[in-house]
C-alpha atoms as a PDB file:
ATOM      1  CA  UNK A   1       0.046  -0.027  -0.088  1.00  0.00           C
ATOM      2  CA  UNK A   2       2.725   2.976   1.216  1.00  0.00           C
ATOM      3  CA  UNK A   3       4.596   2.048  -2.565  1.00  0.00           C
ATOM      4  CA  UNK A   4       0.937   2.873  -4.130  1.00  0.00           C
ATOM      5  CA  UNK A   5       1.056   6.019  -2.317  1.00  0.00           C
ATOM      6  CA  UNK A   6       4.919   6.631  -3.424  1.00  0.00           C
ATOM      7  CA  UNK A   7       4.059   5.480  -7.002  1.00  0.00           C
ATOM      8  CA  UNK A   8       1.396   7.922  -7.056  1.00  0.00           C
ATOM      9  CA  UNK A   9       3.394  10.965  -5.662  1.00  0.00           C
ATOM     10  CA  UNK A  10       7.112  10.552  -7.927  1.00  0.00           C
ATOM     11  CA  UNK A  11       3.900  10.783 -10.940  1.00  0.00           C
ATOM     12  CA  UNK A  12       2.745  13.329  -9.588  1.00  0.00           C
ATOM     13  CA  UNK A  13       6.105  15.143  -9.893  1.00  0.00           C
ATOM     14  CA  UNK A  14       7.375  13.975 -12.826  1.00  0.00           C
ATOM     15  CA  UNK A  15       3.708  15.635 -14.773  1.00  0.00           C
ATOM     16  CA  UNK A  16       3.791  18.756 -12.510  1.00  0.00           C
ATOM     17  CA  UNK A  17       7.768  19.010 -14.150  1.00  0.00           C
ATOM     18  CA  UNK A  18       6.826  18.480 -17.815  1.00  0.00           C
ATOM     19  CA  UNK A  19       4.074  20.475 -17.295  1.00  0.00           C
ATOM     20  CA  UNK A  20       6.536  23.683 -15.465  1.00  0.00           C
ATOM     21  CA  UNK A  21       8.862  22.638 -17.877  1.00  0.00           C
ATOM     22  CA  UNK A  22       7.059  23.270 -21.093  1.00  0.00           C
ATOM     23  CA  UNK A  23       5.442  25.785 -19.738  1.00  0.00           C
ATOM     24  CA  UNK A  24       9.015  27.826 -20.050  1.00  0.00           C
ATOM     25  CA  UNK A  25      10.395  26.237 -22.701  1.00  0.00           C
ATOM     26  CA  UNK A  26       7.835  27.613 -25.265  1.00  0.00           C
ATOM     27  CA  UNK A  27       8.229  30.947 -22.988  1.00  0.00           C
ATOM     28  CA  UNK A  28       5.256  31.243 -21.403  1.00  0.00           C
ATOM     29  CA  UNK A  29       6.333  31.132 -18.244  1.00  0.00           C
ATOM     30  CA  UNK A  30       9.964  32.565 -17.001  1.00  0.00           C
ATOM     31  CA  UNK A  31      11.213  32.356 -14.032  1.00  0.00           C
ATOM     32  CA  UNK A  32      14.528  34.512 -11.749  1.00  0.00           C
ATOM     33  CA  UNK A  33      16.999  32.414  -9.692  1.00  0.00           C
ATOM     34  CA  UNK A  34      18.399  33.751  -6.325  1.00  0.00           C
ATOM     35  CA  UNK A  35      22.243  35.220  -7.463  1.00  0.00           C
ATOM     36  CA  UNK A  36      23.187  35.088  -3.200  1.00  0.00           C
ATOM     37  CA  UNK A  37      26.406  36.979  -4.673  1.00  0.00           C
ATOM     38  CA  UNK A  38      24.777  40.267  -5.359  1.00  0.00           C
ATOM     39  CA  UNK A  39      25.476  42.970  -2.167  1.00  0.00           C
ATOM     40  CA  UNK A  40      22.703  45.047  -2.489  1.00  0.00           C
ATOM     41  CA  UNK A  41      23.805  49.273  -1.334  1.00  0.00           C
ATOM     42  CA  UNK A  42      21.645  52.067   0.012  1.00  0.00           C
ATOM     43  CA  UNK A  43      23.178  55.756  -1.137  1.00  0.00           C
ATOM     44  CA  UNK A  44      26.458  53.566  -0.519  1.00  0.00           C
ATOM     45  CA  UNK A  45      25.909  51.186   2.811  1.00  0.00           C
ATOM     46  CA  UNK A  46      25.100  47.813   2.390  1.00  0.00           C
ATOM     47  CA  UNK A  47      21.390  46.420   3.177  1.00  0.00           C
ATOM     48  CA  UNK A  48      20.380  43.397   3.481  1.00  0.00           C
ATOM     49  CA  UNK A  49      18.173  41.820   0.368  1.00  0.00           C
ATOM     50  CA  UNK A  50      18.560  40.040  -2.472  1.00  0.00           C
ATOM     51  CA  UNK A  51      18.525  40.022  -6.037  1.00  0.00           C
ATOM     52  CA  UNK A  52      16.137  37.704  -8.508  1.00  0.00           C
ATOM     53  CA  UNK A  53      17.612  37.450 -11.641  1.00  0.00           C
ATOM     54  CA  UNK A  54      16.731  36.147 -15.296  1.00  0.00           C
ATOM     55  CA  UNK A  55      19.760  37.362 -17.696  1.00  0.00           C
ATOM     56  CA  UNK A  56      16.927  39.917 -18.990  1.00  0.00           C
ATOM     57  CA  UNK A  57      15.244  41.131 -16.404  1.00  0.00           C
ATOM     58  CA  UNK A  58      15.870  40.775 -11.827  1.00  0.00           C
ATOM     59  CA  UNK A  59      13.957  41.297  -9.050  1.00  0.00           C
ATOM     60  CA  UNK A  60      15.600  43.384  -6.522  1.00  0.00           C
ATOM     61  CA  UNK A  61      14.305  43.468  -2.814  1.00  0.00           C
ATOM     62  CA  UNK A  62      15.762  45.470   0.164  1.00  0.00           C
ATOM     63  CA  UNK A  63      14.374  44.102   3.643  1.00  0.00           C
ATOM     64  CA  UNK A  64      15.701  46.426   5.703  1.00  0.00           C
ATOM     65  CA  UNK A  65      13.620  47.419   8.410  1.00  0.00           C
ATOM     66  CA  UNK A  66      11.447  49.654   7.979  1.00  0.00           C
ATOM     67  CA  UNK A  67      12.184  50.364   3.933  1.00  0.00           C
ATOM     68  CA  UNK A  68      11.367  46.762   3.162  1.00  0.00           C
ATOM     69  CA  UNK A  69      10.608  47.047  -0.843  1.00  0.00           C
ATOM     70  CA  UNK A  70      10.826  45.424  -4.436  1.00  0.00           C
ATOM     71  CA  UNK A  71      11.211  46.541  -7.616  1.00  0.00           C
ATOM     72  CA  UNK A  72      12.113  45.272 -11.310  1.00  0.00           C
ATOM     73  CA  UNK A  73      14.688  45.766 -13.229  1.00  0.00           C
ATOM     74  CA  UNK A  74      14.861  45.334 -17.435  1.00  0.00           C
ATOM     75  CA  UNK A  75      17.530  44.969 -18.926  1.00  0.00           C
ATOM     76  CA  UNK A  76      17.910  46.792 -22.717  1.00  0.00           C
ATOM     77  CA  UNK A  77      20.463  44.819 -23.907  1.00  0.00           C
ATOM     78  CA  UNK A  78      23.261  47.411 -23.969  1.00  0.00           C
ATOM     79  CA  UNK A  79      24.677  50.750 -22.423  1.00  0.00           C
ATOM     80  CA  UNK A  80      23.920  53.999 -24.689  1.00  0.00           C
ATOM     81  CA  UNK A  81      27.179  56.500 -23.859  1.00  0.00           C
ATOM     82  CA  UNK A  82      24.971  58.004 -21.163  1.00  0.00           C
ATOM     83  CA  UNK A  83      25.455  54.954 -19.480  1.00  0.00           C
ATOM     84  CA  UNK A  84      21.575  54.048 -19.966  1.00  0.00           C
ATOM     85  CA  UNK A  85      21.042  50.001 -19.400  1.00  0.00           C
ATOM     86  CA  UNK A  86      17.178  49.912 -19.555  1.00  0.00           C
ATOM     87  CA  UNK A  87      14.680  51.070 -16.998  1.00  0.00           C
ATOM     88  CA  UNK A  88      13.538  49.741 -12.951  1.00  0.00           C
ATOM     89  CA  UNK A  89       9.600  49.414 -12.614  1.00  0.00           C
ATOM     90  CA  UNK A  90       8.550  49.567  -8.844  1.00  0.00           C
ATOM     91  CA  UNK A  91       6.217  46.864  -6.560  1.00  0.00           C
ATOM     92  CA  UNK A  92       4.756  49.521  -5.382  1.00  0.00           C
ATOM     93  CA  UNK A  93       3.152  47.149  -2.025  1.00  0.00           C
ATOM     94  CA  UNK A  94       4.285  43.829  -3.412  1.00  0.00           C
ATOM     95  CA  UNK A  95       7.781  42.761  -1.294  1.00  0.00           C
ATOM     96  CA  UNK A  96       9.613  39.499  -3.162  1.00  0.00           C
ATOM     97  CA  UNK A  97       9.115  36.195  -1.345  1.00  0.00           C
ATOM     98  CA  UNK A  98      12.044  34.413   0.174  1.00  0.00           C
ATOM     99  CA  UNK A  99      12.355  31.478  -2.834  1.00  0.00           C
ATOM    100  CA  UNK A 100      15.423  30.091  -4.574  1.00  0.00           C
ATOM    101  CA  UNK A 101      12.875  30.597  -7.682  1.00  0.00           C
ATOM    102  CA  UNK A 102      10.175  32.310  -8.587  1.00  0.00           C
ATOM    103  CA  UNK A 103       7.902  31.698 -11.902  1.00  0.00           C
ATOM    104  CA  UNK A 104       7.738  34.904 -13.713  1.00  0.00           C
ATOM    105  CA  UNK A 105       4.424  35.520 -16.041  1.00  0.00           C
ATOM    106  CA  UNK A 106       2.627  38.218 -18.504  1.00  0.00           C
ATOM    107  CA  UNK A 107       1.028  39.692 -14.680  1.00  0.00           C
ATOM    108  CA  UNK A 108       3.294  38.126 -11.940  1.00  0.00           C
ATOM    109  CA  UNK A 109       5.409  39.803 -10.411  1.00  0.00           C
ATOM    110  CA  UNK A 110       2.407  42.375  -9.638  1.00  0.00           C
ATOM    111  CA  UNK A 111       5.459  45.625 -10.831  1.00  0.00           C
ATOM    112  CA  UNK A 112       3.815  48.778 -12.642  1.00  0.00           C
ATOM    113  CA  UNK A 113       6.113  51.510 -14.448  1.00  0.00           C
ATOM    114  CA  UNK A 114       4.835  54.313 -12.832  1.00  0.00           C
ATOM    115  CA  UNK A 115       3.749  57.761 -14.380  1.00  0.00           C
ATOM    116  CA  UNK A 116       5.100  59.208 -17.692  1.00  0.00           C
ATOM    117  CA  UNK A 117       9.092  59.575 -15.984  1.00  0.00           C
ATOM    118  CA  UNK A 118      11.164  57.068 -16.555  1.00  0.00           C
ATOM    119  CA  UNK A 119      13.536  55.160 -13.780  1.00  0.00           C
ATOM    120  CA  UNK A 120      16.676  54.388 -15.362  1.00  0.00           C
ATOM    121  CA  UNK A 121      18.341  52.031 -14.957  1.00  0.00           C
ATOM    122  CA  UNK A 122      22.544  53.396 -15.545  1.00  0.00           C
ATOM    123  CA  UNK A 123      26.288  51.529 -15.564  1.00  0.00           C
ATOM    124  CA  UNK A 124      28.264  52.641 -13.168  1.00  0.00           C
ATOM    125  CA  UNK A 125      31.486  50.959 -13.594  1.00  0.00           C
ATOM    126  CA  UNK A 126      30.596  47.841 -12.857  1.00  0.00           C
ATOM    127  CA  UNK A 127      27.095  48.484 -10.999  1.00  0.00           C
ATOM    128  CA  UNK A 128      24.042  49.070 -11.983  1.00  0.00           C
ATOM    129  CA  UNK A 129      22.237  52.847 -10.043  1.00  0.00           C
ATOM    130  CA  UNK A 130      18.904  53.377  -9.865  1.00  0.00           C
ATOM    131  CA  UNK A 131      17.423  55.946  -7.851  1.00  0.00           C
ATOM    132  CA  UNK A 132      14.139  55.741  -6.122  1.00  0.00           C
ATOM    133  CA  UNK A 133      11.323  57.427  -5.406  1.00  0.00           C
ATOM    134  CA  UNK A 134      12.497  58.210  -1.639  1.00  0.00           C
ATOM    135  CA  UNK A 135      15.907  60.127  -3.507  1.00  0.00           C
ATOM    136  CA  UNK A 136      18.138  57.644  -2.356  1.00  0.00           C
ATOM    137  CA  UNK A 137      20.347  55.124  -4.668  1.00  0.00           C
ATOM    138  CA  UNK A 138      20.517  52.183  -5.179  1.00  0.00           C
ATOM    139  CA  UNK A 139      23.451  50.476  -6.298  1.00  0.00           C
ATOM    140  CA  UNK A 140      24.168  46.571  -7.039  1.00  0.00           C
ATOM    141  CA  UNK A 141      26.866  45.042  -8.715  1.00  0.00           C
ATOM    142  CA  UNK A 142      27.085  44.181 -12.075  1.00  0.00           C
ATOM    143  CA  UNK A 143      26.733  39.712 -12.615  1.00  0.00           C
ATOM    144  CA  UNK A 144      28.689  37.943 -14.630  1.00  0.00           C
END
């Protein structure tokens, strides 16, 4: 009887894995993976947080007490003469969960680009920087 439950569980996990694999390969769903090597700094001061990335975008989450916030970064694939390498969307009230992988769909994560003014993602030396609404500068080393 225990073997039957185990086989059903293995089959269910296998089918779920196939479905997720098909969704990712077809481009309907993407995923972010945790990069523990990238420290986050606000105005040059290191803060607690993490970066979930996937090569074309990233989620930067600041977990400092009183400053908890997530931002979605979109890389444009090139860096222009001013250092502009993409743009930033504010995630408002949504805070990225602490997970090693996060699925991405058309409507998730729920981060929106707000207003007519573009929040630019700028390359400065070996790091990416952007300004927040509170006029602080968030800095993250460039992923390798």
